[in-house]
Amino acid sequence: MNKYIVRISKCKSIEVVLRVKDLIETHREKLLQTALVNLGQKIIVDGIFGNQTARAICKVSTNKLLNELNRLETSNSDFSYTNDKEFILAYLAREEGDYYHWNKNEVTYTTPYGVYKHANYNEEIIKYSDNLIKKYKIKETRKGIKELNKKLISEERAKIRNLVYELYMRKYFDKRLDKILRGNKYKHLKLSIFSFSINAGFKRAIFKLQQTIGCYPDGLLGPKTLDKLNNINLSDNELNIRYLVNVKRYYDTLIRENYNKYHIYKNGWYNRLRRLGLKI
């Protein structure tokens, strides 16, 4: 397996390499092969990652491959399993990246799956990441963080996945989002709330939900908010679109009030909204 990953690393970016490794580790080789076939590659969709699959990856456009994988993963997602470990990690890998990175205008790094160190300084995933930086004698800089991705072994990647999942379950799901994320009544809205929670914080995500459903916006997920949500006479799609419109207004306000800081995120934010169902 390693020889194929090495081969891909010579023709594709680290983002593609890590994406392929994640698909292999989560036993989704068929999804990868389906994406390649859809892009015109003549390979067999058998779930076996070998020379033909590796060669096909090198032949296709990087952007087209990533976009097709996004499309397939979105269309195949079962929103009734929103708090399933693999669903959460696959979604976050697509939206936040499954590799260490250091975004422009930020003071430090973000872990795979979107945990920003500055906002989660005392969390186990950050402590573990800091220890990895020390272990590999890497400087905590943009350049150093890129190098860290190349040095991680499979056991360390698995540990990162587990720690990130534990953090998200405790911080967003347990006794919080689980109150509204269970069941299928508002399956698309559920994912949008989770996505915006990761991006802007749980309280702000609930604040936007309350604005959407006409409830007093205090950012607290209490009985009045839940009662209003459960009795509102709107379809899942209608409510989801209204919620996303409010989220877009929030992004637009940030950009308008501090253009130099936030305009670089506009395309990424808008693409996230499009994938969640908003036509922009």
Protein backbone atom coordinates (compact mmCIF):
# COMPACT_ATOMS: atom_id res chain seq x y z
CA MET A 1 0.00 0.00 0.00
CA ASN A 2 2.76 2.45 0.92
CA LYS A 3 4.36 2.27 -2.51
CA TYR A 4 1.12 3.46 -4.12
CA ILE A 5 0.80 6.35 -1.68
CA VAL A 6 4.40 7.33 -2.43
CA ARG A 7 3.59 7.22 -6.13
CA ILE A 8 0.57 9.47 -5.68
CA SER A 9 2.60 11.92 -3.56
CA LYS A 10 4.91 12.46 -6.54
CA CYS A 11 2.10 13.56 -8.84
CA LYS A 12 -0.48 15.10 -6.50
CA SER A 13 -0.67 17.59 -3.64
CA ILE A 14 -0.58 16.61 0.04
CA GLU A 15 -4.33 17.35 0.19
CA VAL A 16 -5.04 14.60 -2.35
CA VAL A 17 -2.63 12.17 -0.69
CA LEU A 18 -4.27 12.61 2.72
CA ARG A 19 -7.75 12.40 1.21
CA VAL A 20 -6.87 9.10 -0.50
CA LYS A 21 -5.36 7.72 2.70
CA ASP A 22 -8.50 8.63 4.63
CA LEU A 23 -10.70 6.86 2.06
CA ILE A 24 -8.54 3.76 2.29
CA GLU A 25 -8.44 3.77 6.10
CA THR A 26 -12.25 4.10 6.25
CA HIS A 27 -12.72 1.32 3.65
CA ARG A 28 -14.20 3.59 0.98
CA GLU A 29 -11.98 2.58 -1.92
CA LYS A 30 -15.06 2.00 -4.10
CA LEU A 31 -16.14 5.61 -3.66
CA LEU A 32 -12.68 6.75 -4.83
CA GLN A 33 -12.81 4.40 -7.82
CA THR A 34 -16.32 5.54 -8.70
CA ALA A 35 -15.10 9.15 -8.76
CA LEU A 36 -12.28 8.16 -11.09
CA VAL A 37 -14.63 6.29 -13.43
CA ASN A 38 -16.96 9.32 -13.50
CA LEU A 39 -13.94 11.38 -14.57
CA GLY A 40 -13.29 9.10 -17.54
CA GLN A 41 -10.79 6.60 -16.15
CA LYS A 42 -11.22 2.99 -17.29
CA ILE A 43 -10.75 1.05 -14.08
CA ILE A 44 -12.73 -1.61 -12.25
CA VAL A 45 -14.72 -0.52 -9.19
CA ASP A 46 -13.79 -3.49 -7.00
CA GLY A 47 -12.73 -1.83 -3.75
CA ILE A 48 -9.14 -3.01 -4.20
CA PHE A 49 -6.61 -0.18 -4.17
CA GLY A 50 -3.77 -1.10 -6.49
CA ASN A 51 -1.60 0.05 -9.37
CA GLN A 52 -4.50 0.86 -11.72
CA THR A 53 -6.23 3.06 -9.16
CA ALA A 54 -3.00 4.86 -8.27
CA ARG A 55 -2.23 5.46 -11.96
CA ALA A 56 -5.74 6.79 -12.58
CA ILE A 57 -5.41 9.26 -9.69
CA CYS A 58 -2.28 10.72 -11.25
CA LYS A 59 -4.02 11.13 -14.61
CA VAL A 60 -7.03 13.18 -13.48
CA SER A 61 -7.18 16.85 -12.56
CA THR A 62 -6.68 17.46 -8.84
CA ASN A 63 -9.58 19.91 -8.58
CA LYS A 64 -11.92 17.68 -10.58
CA LEU A 65 -11.08 14.67 -8.40
CA LEU A 66 -11.66 16.55 -5.15
CA ASN A 67 -14.90 18.06 -6.43
CA GLU A 68 -16.21 14.70 -7.61
CA LEU A 69 -15.36 13.09 -4.27
CA ASN A 70 -17.20 15.92 -2.50
CA ARG A 71 -20.23 15.42 -4.73
CA LEU A 72 -20.33 11.66 -4.20
CA GLU A 73 -19.83 11.90 -0.45
CA THR A 74 -22.57 14.50 -0.15
CA SER A 75 -25.04 12.53 -2.27
CA ASN A 76 -24.27 9.29 -0.40
CA SER A 77 -24.46 10.80 3.08
CA ASP A 78 -27.09 9.35 5.37
CA PHE A 79 -28.07 12.29 7.55
CA SER A 80 -29.80 10.00 10.03
CA TYR A 81 -26.31 9.04 11.20
CA THR A 82 -25.08 12.58 11.80
CA ASN A 83 -23.42 11.64 15.08
CA ASP A 84 -21.82 8.51 13.62
CA LYS A 85 -18.03 8.71 13.95
CA GLU A 86 -17.16 8.02 10.32
CA PHE A 87 -19.88 10.35 9.03
CA ILE A 88 -18.61 13.22 11.18
CA LEU A 89 -14.95 12.68 10.29
CA ALA A 90 -15.69 12.28 6.58
CA TYR A 91 -17.75 15.47 6.59
CA LEU A 92 -15.09 17.43 8.48
CA ALA A 93 -12.35 16.09 6.21
CA ARG A 94 -14.24 17.51 3.26
CA GLU A 95 -15.07 20.88 4.84
CA GLU A 96 -12.14 21.54 7.17
CA GLY A 97 -9.39 19.36 5.68
CA ASP A 98 -7.88 16.21 7.18
CA TYR A 99 -4.38 17.66 7.54
CA TYR A 100 -2.63 20.21 9.74
CA HIS A 101 -2.77 23.72 8.32
CA TRP A 102 -2.18 27.34 9.27
CA ASN A 103 -4.68 29.74 7.72
CA LYS A 104 -3.80 33.27 6.73
CA ASN A 105 -4.63 35.87 9.43
CA GLU A 106 -4.55 33.20 12.17
CA VAL A 107 -1.97 33.13 14.96
CA THR A 108 -1.39 29.39 15.09
CA TYR A 109 -2.31 26.06 13.52
CA THR A 110 -5.53 24.12 13.00
CA THR A 111 -5.53 20.34 13.43
CA PRO A 112 -6.99 17.86 10.95
CA TYR A 113 -10.80 18.09 10.99
CA GLY A 114 -10.85 21.74 12.02
CA VAL A 115 -9.78 22.15 15.67
CA TYR A 116 -8.13 25.57 15.96
CA LYS A 117 -5.44 25.60 18.65
CA HIS A 118 -6.04 29.20 19.78
CA ALA A 119 -9.69 28.44 20.65
CA ASN A 120 -9.07 24.98 22.15
CA TYR A 121 -5.77 25.44 23.93
CA ASN A 122 -6.41 22.99 26.80
CA GLU A 123 -7.99 20.19 24.75
CA GLU A 124 -6.28 16.80 24.49
CA ILE A 125 -6.04 16.99 20.69
CA ILE A 126 -3.98 20.20 21.01
CA LYS A 127 -1.74 18.76 23.71
CA TYR A 128 -1.17 15.69 21.57
CA SER A 129 -0.43 17.84 18.51
CA ASP A 130 2.06 19.94 20.46
CA ASN A 131 3.81 16.74 21.56
CA LEU A 132 4.01 15.62 17.92
CA ILE A 133 5.64 18.92 17.01
CA LYS A 134 8.22 18.36 19.76
CA LYS A 135 8.71 14.71 18.81
CA TYR A 136 9.55 15.54 15.21
CA LYS A 137 11.53 18.66 16.20
CA ILE A 138 9.38 20.91 14.05
CA LYS A 139 8.97 24.64 14.55
CA GLU A 140 5.42 25.84 15.15
CA THR A 141 5.28 27.87 11.94
CA ARG A 142 3.32 27.65 8.70
CA LYS A 143 6.20 25.82 7.05
CA GLY A 144 6.71 23.53 10.03
CA ILE A 145 3.05 22.54 10.18
CA LYS A 146 3.17 21.48 6.52
CA GLU A 147 6.15 19.28 7.31
CA LEU A 148 4.30 17.67 10.21
CA ASN A 149 1.75 16.19 7.77
CA LYS A 150 4.51 14.30 5.99
CA LYS A 151 5.94 12.73 9.15
CA LEU A 152 2.81 11.31 10.78
CA ILE A 153 2.48 7.55 10.93
CA SER A 154 -0.82 5.65 10.73
CA GLU A 155 -1.06 5.15 14.51
CA GLU A 156 -0.72 8.89 15.07
CA ARG A 157 -3.35 9.68 12.44
CA ALA A 158 -5.72 7.22 14.12
CA LYS A 159 -5.07 8.87 17.50
CA ILE A 160 -5.81 12.30 16.01
CA ARG A 161 -9.10 11.03 14.56
CA ASN A 162 -10.17 9.64 17.93
CA LEU A 163 -9.25 12.76 19.90
CA VAL A 164 -11.01 15.06 17.44
CA TYR A 165 -14.14 12.91 17.51
CA GLU A 166 -14.16 12.87 21.32
CA LEU A 167 -13.83 16.65 21.39
CA TYR A 168 -16.70 17.24 18.96
CA MET A 169 -18.97 14.79 20.73
CA ARG A 170 -18.38 16.45 24.09
CA LYS A 171 -18.37 20.04 22.88
CA TYR A 172 -21.21 19.95 20.35
CA PHE A 173 -23.24 16.77 20.57
CA ASP A 174 -23.57 15.38 24.09
CA LYS A 175 -26.59 16.99 25.81
CA ARG A 176 -26.55 19.79 23.20
CA LEU A 177 -26.94 19.11 19.50
CA ASP A 178 -28.21 15.62 20.23
CA LYS A 179 -31.42 17.28 21.37
CA ILE A 180 -32.17 18.31 17.79
CA LEU A 181 -29.93 16.04 15.71
CA ARG A 182 -31.74 12.79 16.46
CA GLY A 183 -34.20 11.46 13.95
CA ASN A 184 -34.90 12.53 10.39
CA LYS A 185 -37.45 15.33 10.67
CA TYR A 186 -34.94 18.05 9.79
CA LYS A 187 -32.01 16.04 8.48
CA HIS A 188 -30.53 18.77 6.24
CA LEU A 189 -31.03 21.50 8.82
CA LYS A 190 -29.24 19.31 11.35
CA LEU A 191 -26.10 19.13 9.26
CA SER A 192 -26.18 22.88 8.60
CA ILE A 193 -26.38 23.64 12.33
CA PHE A 194 -23.49 21.28 13.04
CA SER A 195 -21.41 22.76 10.22
CA PHE A 196 -21.94 26.34 11.38
CA SER A 197 -21.24 25.30 14.99
CA ILE A 198 -17.81 24.06 13.95
CA ASN A 199 -17.19 27.20 11.92
CA ALA A 200 -18.51 29.89 14.28
CA GLY A 201 -19.32 28.31 17.64
CA PHE A 202 -22.33 26.51 19.10
CA LYS A 203 -23.97 29.52 20.70
CA ARG A 204 -23.88 31.55 17.49
CA ALA A 205 -25.27 28.60 15.52
CA ILE A 206 -28.24 28.33 17.90
CA PHE A 207 -28.65 32.13 17.83
CA LYS A 208 -29.08 31.92 14.04
CA LEU A 209 -31.52 29.03 14.43
CA GLN A 210 -33.62 31.10 16.84
CA GLN A 211 -33.62 34.04 14.42
CA THR A 212 -34.75 31.66 11.68
CA ILE A 213 -37.70 30.17 13.56
CA GLY A 214 -38.83 33.40 15.25
CA CYS A 215 -37.69 32.57 18.76
CA TYR A 216 -35.96 34.93 21.22
CA PRO A 217 -32.29 34.85 20.13
CA ASP A 218 -30.20 34.18 23.22
CA GLY A 219 -28.03 31.35 21.86
CA LEU A 220 -29.35 28.89 24.45
CA LEU A 221 -30.91 25.62 23.35
CA GLY A 222 -33.78 25.53 25.84
CA PRO A 223 -37.31 24.11 25.90
CA LYS A 224 -38.87 27.15 24.18
CA THR A 225 -36.50 26.85 21.22
CA LEU A 226 -37.06 23.09 20.95
CA ASP A 227 -40.84 23.48 21.20
CA LYS A 228 -40.83 26.17 18.49
CA LEU A 229 -38.65 24.01 16.23
CA ASN A 230 -40.79 20.91 16.68
CA ASN A 231 -44.02 22.75 15.92
CA ILE A 232 -42.97 25.00 13.06
CA ASN A 233 -44.93 24.37 9.87
CA LEU A 234 -42.03 24.25 7.39
CA SER A 235 -40.41 21.44 5.45
CA ASP A 236 -36.83 20.40 6.11
CA ASN A 237 -35.67 22.04 2.88
CA GLU A 238 -37.53 25.32 3.53
CA LEU A 239 -36.20 25.64 7.06
CA ASN A 240 -32.68 24.68 6.01
CA ILE A 241 -32.61 27.33 3.26
CA ARG A 242 -33.90 30.01 5.64
CA TYR A 243 -31.23 29.05 8.16
CA LEU A 244 -28.48 29.17 5.53
CA VAL A 245 -29.67 32.59 4.36
CA ASN A 246 -29.18 33.87 7.92
CA VAL A 247 -25.73 32.29 8.05
CA LYS A 248 -24.83 33.98 4.76
CA ARG A 249 -25.92 37.34 6.19
CA TYR A 250 -23.57 36.73 9.11
CA TYR A 251 -20.65 36.02 6.78
CA ASP A 252 -21.50 39.05 4.63
CA THR A 253 -21.57 41.28 7.71
CA LEU A 254 -18.13 40.09 8.77
CA ILE A 255 -16.73 40.80 5.32
CA ARG A 256 -18.39 44.20 5.08
CA GLU A 257 -17.22 45.34 8.53
CA ASN A 258 -13.65 44.01 8.26
CA TYR A 259 -12.94 43.41 4.57
CA ASN A 260 -9.16 43.07 4.84
CA LYS A 261 -9.43 40.29 7.41
CA TYR A 262 -12.39 38.29 6.14
CA HIS A 263 -12.71 38.67 2.36
CA ILE A 264 -10.19 35.86 1.78
CA TYR A 265 -12.66 33.42 3.37
CA LYS A 266 -15.64 34.43 1.20
CA ASN A 267 -15.27 31.75 -1.49
CA GLY A 268 -14.75 29.01 1.09
CA TRP A 269 -17.75 30.13 3.14
CA TYR A 270 -19.97 30.41 0.07
CA ASN A 271 -18.89 26.98 -1.21
CA ARG A 272 -19.76 25.48 2.18
CA LEU A 273 -23.23 27.06 1.99
CA ARG A 274 -23.72 25.74 -1.54
CA ARG A 275 -22.86 22.20 -0.47
CA LEU A 276 -25.36 22.52 2.38
CA GLY A 277 -28.13 23.44 -0.08
CA LEU A 278 -28.11 27.25 -0.58
CA LYS A 279 -28.12 28.51 -4.17
CA ILE A 280 -25.84 31.54 -4.35
